[in-house]
N, C-alpha and C. Protein backbone atom coordinates (compact mmCIF):
# COMPACT_ATOMS: atom_id res chain seq x y z
N GLN A 1 1.92 -4.93 23.30
CA GLN A 1 3.34 -4.96 23.52
C GLN A 1 4.06 -5.19 22.20
N VAL A 2 5.23 -4.54 22.07
CA VAL A 2 6.03 -4.63 20.87
C VAL A 2 7.42 -5.10 21.24
N GLN A 3 7.92 -6.08 20.51
CA GLN A 3 9.30 -6.53 20.65
C GLN A 3 10.10 -6.01 19.47
N LEU A 4 11.27 -5.45 19.75
CA LEU A 4 12.11 -4.84 18.74
C LEU A 4 13.48 -5.49 18.75
N VAL A 5 14.00 -5.81 17.57
CA VAL A 5 15.31 -6.44 17.44
C VAL A 5 16.11 -5.70 16.38
N GLU A 6 17.24 -5.10 16.80
CA GLU A 6 18.11 -4.38 15.89
C GLU A 6 19.14 -5.32 15.28
N SER A 7 19.61 -4.96 14.10
CA SER A 7 20.68 -5.69 13.44
C SER A 7 21.40 -4.75 12.49
N GLY A 8 22.56 -5.19 12.01
CA GLY A 8 23.28 -4.44 11.00
C GLY A 8 24.49 -3.68 11.51
N GLY A 9 24.71 -3.67 12.81
CA GLY A 9 25.88 -3.00 13.34
C GLY A 9 27.16 -3.72 12.97
N GLY A 10 28.27 -3.03 13.19
CA GLY A 10 29.56 -3.62 12.87
C GLY A 10 30.67 -2.62 12.96
N LEU A 11 31.81 -3.00 12.43
CA LEU A 11 33.02 -2.17 12.43
C LEU A 11 33.28 -1.65 11.03
N VAL A 12 33.40 -0.34 10.91
CA VAL A 12 33.71 0.30 9.64
C VAL A 12 34.74 1.39 9.84
N GLN A 13 35.41 1.75 8.76
CA GLN A 13 36.34 2.87 8.81
C GLN A 13 35.61 4.19 8.61
N ALA A 14 36.20 5.25 9.11
CA ALA A 14 35.63 6.58 8.92
C ALA A 14 35.39 6.83 7.43
N GLY A 15 34.23 7.40 7.14
CA GLY A 15 33.84 7.64 5.77
C GLY A 15 33.01 6.53 5.16
N GLY A 16 32.93 5.40 5.84
CA GLY A 16 32.17 4.27 5.35
C GLY A 16 30.69 4.37 5.68
N SER A 17 29.97 3.30 5.35
CA SER A 17 28.52 3.27 5.52
C SER A 17 28.07 1.99 6.20
N LEU A 18 26.96 2.09 6.90
CA LEU A 18 26.27 0.95 7.48
C LEU A 18 24.78 1.19 7.38
N ARG A 19 24.03 0.11 7.31
CA ARG A 19 22.57 0.19 7.33
C ARG A 19 22.07 -0.64 8.50
N LEU A 20 21.43 0.01 9.45
CA LEU A 20 20.84 -0.66 10.59
C LEU A 20 19.38 -0.97 10.31
N SER A 21 18.93 -2.11 10.81
CA SER A 21 17.53 -2.49 10.66
C SER A 21 16.95 -2.83 12.02
N CYS A 22 15.66 -2.63 12.16
CA CYS A 22 14.94 -2.96 13.38
C CYS A 22 13.66 -3.67 12.98
N ALA A 23 13.51 -4.90 13.45
CA ALA A 23 12.34 -5.70 13.17
C ALA A 23 11.41 -5.69 14.37
N ALA A 24 10.14 -5.44 14.13
CA ALA A 24 9.14 -5.36 15.18
C ALA A 24 8.16 -6.52 15.09
N SER A 25 7.73 -6.98 16.24
CA SER A 25 6.74 -8.05 16.30
C SER A 25 5.33 -7.48 16.23
N GLY A 26 4.37 -8.37 16.07
CA GLY A 26 2.98 -7.98 16.13
C GLY A 26 2.43 -7.40 14.85
N ARG A 27 1.17 -7.00 14.93
CA ARG A 27 0.47 -6.45 13.76
C ARG A 27 0.03 -5.01 13.98
N THR A 28 0.62 -4.33 14.96
CA THR A 28 0.27 -2.95 15.26
C THR A 28 1.43 -2.00 15.02
N PHE A 29 2.37 -2.38 14.19
CA PHE A 29 3.56 -1.58 13.95
C PHE A 29 3.20 -0.18 13.46
N SER A 30 2.20 -0.07 12.61
CA SER A 30 1.83 1.22 12.05
C SER A 30 1.20 2.17 13.07
N SER A 31 0.94 1.70 14.29
CA SER A 31 0.41 2.55 15.35
C SER A 31 1.50 3.32 16.08
N TYR A 32 2.75 3.05 15.74
CA TYR A 32 3.88 3.62 16.46
C TYR A 32 4.75 4.49 15.56
N ALA A 33 5.05 5.69 16.04
CA ALA A 33 6.19 6.39 15.50
C ALA A 33 7.45 5.67 15.97
N MET A 34 8.50 5.71 15.18
CA MET A 34 9.71 4.96 15.50
C MET A 34 10.90 5.90 15.56
N GLY A 35 11.80 5.61 16.48
CA GLY A 35 12.99 6.42 16.64
C GLY A 35 14.25 5.58 16.75
N TRP A 36 15.37 6.21 16.44
CA TRP A 36 16.69 5.65 16.68
C TRP A 36 17.42 6.53 17.68
N PHE A 37 18.05 5.89 18.65
CA PHE A 37 18.85 6.56 19.66
C PHE A 37 20.20 5.88 19.73
N ARG A 38 21.16 6.53 20.35
CA ARG A 38 22.46 5.91 20.53
C ARG A 38 23.02 6.29 21.89
N GLN A 39 23.92 5.43 22.39
CA GLN A 39 24.52 5.68 23.69
C GLN A 39 25.94 5.15 23.73
N THR A 40 26.84 5.96 24.24
CA THR A 40 28.23 5.60 24.46
C THR A 40 28.49 5.59 25.96
N PRO A 41 29.28 4.64 26.47
CA PRO A 41 29.57 4.64 27.91
C PRO A 41 30.09 5.99 28.37
N GLY A 42 29.52 6.48 29.46
CA GLY A 42 29.92 7.76 30.00
C GLY A 42 29.16 8.94 29.44
N LYS A 43 28.29 8.71 28.46
CA LYS A 43 27.51 9.78 27.87
C LYS A 43 26.02 9.49 28.02
N GLU A 44 25.24 10.55 27.96
CA GLU A 44 23.80 10.41 27.98
C GLU A 44 23.30 9.85 26.65
N ARG A 45 22.17 9.19 26.71
CA ARG A 45 21.54 8.70 25.50
C ARG A 45 21.20 9.87 24.58
N GLU A 46 21.46 9.72 23.30
CA GLU A 46 21.23 10.76 22.31
C GLU A 46 20.15 10.36 21.32
N PHE A 47 19.30 11.30 21.02
CA PHE A 47 18.35 11.12 19.93
C PHE A 47 19.08 11.19 18.60
N VAL A 48 18.73 10.32 17.67
CA VAL A 48 19.35 10.29 16.35
C VAL A 48 18.36 10.68 15.26
N ALA A 49 17.23 9.98 15.20
CA ALA A 49 16.25 10.23 14.15
C ALA A 49 14.92 9.62 14.55
N ALA A 50 13.84 10.12 13.95
CA ALA A 50 12.52 9.56 14.18
C ALA A 50 11.71 9.65 12.90
N ILE A 51 10.72 8.77 12.78
CA ILE A 51 9.87 8.72 11.61
C ILE A 51 8.44 8.51 12.05
N SER A 52 7.52 9.16 11.36
CA SER A 52 6.11 9.10 11.71
C SER A 52 5.51 7.74 11.37
N ARG A 53 4.28 7.54 11.80
CA ARG A 53 3.62 6.26 11.59
C ARG A 53 3.52 5.88 10.12
N SER A 54 3.21 6.84 9.29
CA SER A 54 3.06 6.59 7.87
C SER A 54 4.39 6.60 7.11
N GLY A 55 5.42 7.14 7.74
CA GLY A 55 6.69 7.30 7.07
C GLY A 55 6.86 8.61 6.33
N SER A 56 5.84 9.45 6.35
CA SER A 56 5.88 10.69 5.59
C SER A 56 6.64 11.81 6.29
N GLY A 57 6.85 11.70 7.59
CA GLY A 57 7.54 12.73 8.33
C GLY A 57 8.77 12.18 9.03
N THR A 58 9.86 12.94 9.01
CA THR A 58 11.10 12.54 9.67
C THR A 58 11.73 13.74 10.35
N ILE A 59 12.48 13.47 11.40
CA ILE A 59 13.31 14.48 12.06
C ILE A 59 14.66 13.85 12.39
N TYR A 60 15.68 14.70 12.49
CA TYR A 60 17.03 14.23 12.72
C TYR A 60 17.75 15.11 13.73
N ALA A 61 18.67 14.51 14.46
CA ALA A 61 19.59 15.28 15.26
C ALA A 61 20.52 16.06 14.34
N ASP A 62 20.96 17.23 14.80
CA ASP A 62 21.82 18.07 13.97
C ASP A 62 23.10 17.36 13.55
N PHE A 63 23.62 16.52 14.40
CA PHE A 63 24.93 15.93 14.12
C PHE A 63 24.88 14.83 13.06
N VAL A 64 23.68 14.44 12.60
CA VAL A 64 23.58 13.42 11.56
C VAL A 64 22.90 13.93 10.29
N LYS A 65 22.43 15.16 10.30
CA LYS A 65 21.74 15.70 9.13
C LYS A 65 22.66 15.67 7.91
N GLY A 66 22.12 15.18 6.80
CA GLY A 66 22.88 15.06 5.58
C GLY A 66 23.68 13.79 5.47
N ARG A 67 23.74 13.00 6.55
CA ARG A 67 24.51 11.77 6.53
C ARG A 67 23.64 10.53 6.77
N PHE A 68 22.65 10.65 7.64
CA PHE A 68 21.80 9.51 7.99
C PHE A 68 20.41 9.68 7.40
N THR A 69 19.77 8.57 7.09
CA THR A 69 18.40 8.57 6.59
C THR A 69 17.60 7.48 7.29
N ILE A 70 16.48 7.86 7.88
CA ILE A 70 15.59 6.89 8.51
C ILE A 70 14.45 6.57 7.54
N SER A 71 14.04 5.31 7.53
CA SER A 71 12.93 4.89 6.68
C SER A 71 12.20 3.75 7.37
N ARG A 72 11.01 3.44 6.88
CA ARG A 72 10.25 2.32 7.44
C ARG A 72 9.45 1.63 6.35
N ASP A 73 9.14 0.37 6.61
CA ASP A 73 8.31 -0.42 5.72
C ASP A 73 7.25 -1.08 6.59
N ASN A 74 6.07 -0.50 6.63
CA ASN A 74 5.03 -1.00 7.51
C ASN A 74 4.53 -2.38 7.10
N ALA A 75 4.65 -2.72 5.83
CA ALA A 75 4.24 -4.05 5.38
C ALA A 75 5.16 -5.13 5.93
N LYS A 76 6.40 -4.77 6.21
CA LYS A 76 7.38 -5.72 6.74
C LYS A 76 7.68 -5.51 8.21
N ASN A 77 7.05 -4.53 8.83
CA ASN A 77 7.28 -4.21 10.25
C ASN A 77 8.76 -3.92 10.53
N THR A 78 9.35 -3.09 9.70
CA THR A 78 10.75 -2.76 9.88
C THR A 78 10.98 -1.25 9.79
N VAL A 79 12.01 -0.81 10.49
CA VAL A 79 12.51 0.55 10.37
C VAL A 79 14.01 0.46 10.19
N SER A 80 14.56 1.32 9.35
CA SER A 80 15.98 1.26 9.02
C SER A 80 16.64 2.60 9.24
N LEU A 81 17.95 2.56 9.39
CA LEU A 81 18.76 3.76 9.49
C LEU A 81 19.97 3.58 8.58
N GLN A 82 19.96 4.30 7.47
CA GLN A 82 21.09 4.29 6.56
C GLN A 82 22.09 5.33 7.03
N MET A 83 23.31 4.91 7.32
CA MET A 83 24.33 5.79 7.87
C MET A 83 25.48 5.88 6.87
N ASN A 84 25.70 7.07 6.35
CA ASN A 84 26.79 7.33 5.42
C ASN A 84 27.78 8.31 6.03
N SER A 85 28.96 8.37 5.43
CA SER A 85 30.00 9.30 5.89
C SER A 85 30.22 9.19 7.39
N LEU A 86 30.36 7.98 7.86
CA LEU A 86 30.47 7.74 9.30
C LEU A 86 31.76 8.34 9.87
N LYS A 87 31.65 8.81 11.09
CA LYS A 87 32.75 9.42 11.82
C LYS A 87 33.04 8.62 13.08
N PRO A 88 34.27 8.69 13.59
CA PRO A 88 34.56 7.98 14.83
C PRO A 88 33.62 8.33 15.97
N GLU A 89 33.16 9.57 16.03
CA GLU A 89 32.25 9.97 17.09
C GLU A 89 30.86 9.38 16.95
N ASP A 90 30.58 8.69 15.84
CA ASP A 90 29.33 7.96 15.69
C ASP A 90 29.36 6.62 16.41
N THR A 91 30.51 6.22 16.91
CA THR A 91 30.63 4.96 17.62
C THR A 91 29.71 4.95 18.84
N ALA A 92 28.85 3.94 18.92
CA ALA A 92 27.88 3.85 20.00
C ALA A 92 27.07 2.58 19.83
N VAL A 93 26.28 2.27 20.85
CA VAL A 93 25.24 1.27 20.70
C VAL A 93 24.00 1.99 20.21
N TYR A 94 23.42 1.50 19.13
CA TYR A 94 22.25 2.12 18.53
C TYR A 94 21.01 1.32 18.87
N TYR A 95 19.98 2.02 19.32
CA TYR A 95 18.74 1.41 19.74
C TYR A 95 17.58 1.92 18.89
N CYS A 96 16.67 1.05 18.55
CA CYS A 96 15.41 1.51 17.99
C CYS A 96 14.36 1.50 19.09
N ALA A 97 13.38 2.36 18.95
CA ALA A 97 12.35 2.52 19.96
C ALA A 97 11.02 2.84 19.30
N ALA A 98 9.94 2.43 19.96
CA ALA A 98 8.60 2.63 19.45
C ALA A 98 7.83 3.59 20.35
N ASP A 99 7.16 4.55 19.74
CA ASP A 99 6.40 5.58 20.44
C ASP A 99 4.94 5.47 20.02
N ARG A 100 4.10 4.97 20.92
CA ARG A 100 2.68 4.84 20.62
C ARG A 100 2.05 6.21 20.46
N VAL A 101 1.42 6.44 19.32
CA VAL A 101 0.80 7.72 19.00
C VAL A 101 -0.69 7.51 18.80
N TRP A 102 -1.49 8.27 19.53
CA TRP A 102 -2.95 8.18 19.44
C TRP A 102 -3.48 9.30 18.57
N GLY A 103 -4.60 9.05 17.94
CA GLY A 103 -5.26 10.06 17.13
C GLY A 103 -4.74 10.09 15.71
N THR A 104 -5.05 11.18 15.03
CA THR A 104 -4.73 11.32 13.61
C THR A 104 -3.55 12.24 13.35
N ILE A 105 -2.98 12.83 14.38
CA ILE A 105 -1.90 13.78 14.19
C ILE A 105 -0.60 13.07 13.85
N THR A 106 0.28 13.80 13.20
CA THR A 106 1.65 13.35 12.98
C THR A 106 2.50 13.87 14.12
N LEU A 107 3.06 12.97 14.91
CA LEU A 107 3.79 13.34 16.11
C LEU A 107 5.15 12.67 16.11
N LEU A 108 6.19 13.49 16.22
CA LEU A 108 7.56 13.00 16.29
C LEU A 108 8.22 13.61 17.52
N ARG A 109 8.89 12.78 18.31
CA ARG A 109 9.46 13.24 19.56
C ARG A 109 10.93 12.86 19.66
N ARG A 110 11.70 13.75 20.28
CA ARG A 110 13.13 13.58 20.48
C ARG A 110 13.46 13.05 21.87
N ASP A 111 12.50 13.06 22.77
CA ASP A 111 12.71 12.66 24.15
C ASP A 111 12.52 11.16 24.29
N GLY A 112 13.59 10.44 24.61
CA GLY A 112 13.49 9.00 24.75
C GLY A 112 12.56 8.54 25.84
N ASP A 113 12.34 9.38 26.85
CA ASP A 113 11.43 9.01 27.93
C ASP A 113 9.99 8.89 27.46
N GLU A 114 9.69 9.43 26.30
CA GLU A 114 8.34 9.35 25.75
C GLU A 114 8.08 8.05 25.00
N TYR A 115 9.11 7.30 24.71
CA TYR A 115 8.98 6.08 23.93
C TYR A 115 8.61 4.90 24.82
N ASP A 116 7.83 3.99 24.28
CA ASP A 116 7.23 2.92 25.06
C ASP A 116 8.01 1.61 25.04
N TYR A 117 8.66 1.28 23.94
CA TYR A 117 9.35 0.01 23.79
C TYR A 117 10.72 0.23 23.18
N TRP A 118 11.67 -0.61 23.59
CA TRP A 118 13.06 -0.49 23.17
C TRP A 118 13.64 -1.83 22.78
N GLY A 119 14.50 -1.81 21.77
CA GLY A 119 15.27 -2.99 21.45
C GLY A 119 16.50 -3.09 22.33
N GLN A 120 17.28 -4.15 22.12
CA GLN A 120 18.47 -4.39 22.93
C GLN A 120 19.71 -3.68 22.41
N GLY A 121 19.65 -3.15 21.20
CA GLY A 121 20.74 -2.37 20.66
C GLY A 121 21.67 -3.17 19.78
N THR A 122 22.38 -2.46 18.91
CA THR A 122 23.40 -3.04 18.06
C THR A 122 24.61 -2.12 18.05
N GLN A 123 25.80 -2.71 18.17
CA GLN A 123 27.02 -1.93 18.29
C GLN A 123 27.50 -1.44 16.94
N VAL A 124 27.80 -0.15 16.87
CA VAL A 124 28.43 0.46 15.70
C VAL A 124 29.77 1.02 16.14
N THR A 125 30.84 0.60 15.48
CA THR A 125 32.17 1.09 15.79
C THR A 125 32.79 1.65 14.52
N VAL A 126 33.24 2.89 14.59
CA VAL A 126 33.85 3.57 13.45
C VAL A 126 35.29 3.87 13.80
N SER A 127 36.21 3.30 13.06
CA SER A 127 37.63 3.50 13.31
C SER A 127 38.16 4.67 12.51
N SER A 128 39.17 5.34 13.04
CA SER A 128 39.77 6.48 12.37
C SER A 128 40.92 6.06 11.48
């Protein structure tokens, strides 16, 4: 079992930046691909970004390409999301999630239903 705790959310103006962090418990962090998702009331949960177990592979949703960067530090059991050039439509609760990956393949998934563990989320609000 993995416990995930997000931090770093807050209120920023459009064009500003925030860095979200997710701290994971245990000593098996490197066994999980990690993802960031977001959700706004009245909307479906959206995939934002994911990173492979080693950190060598990443994927992004089209609406954040060129603005957001996902990274991880397996020695510290953390995954981060650097968000630049924020827009009001980025306002949401952001969640980190862990996806247990078996074998030696590099596997990245956009479907939140495939992820095994979730944090409680951190609020990001971008004002216009």
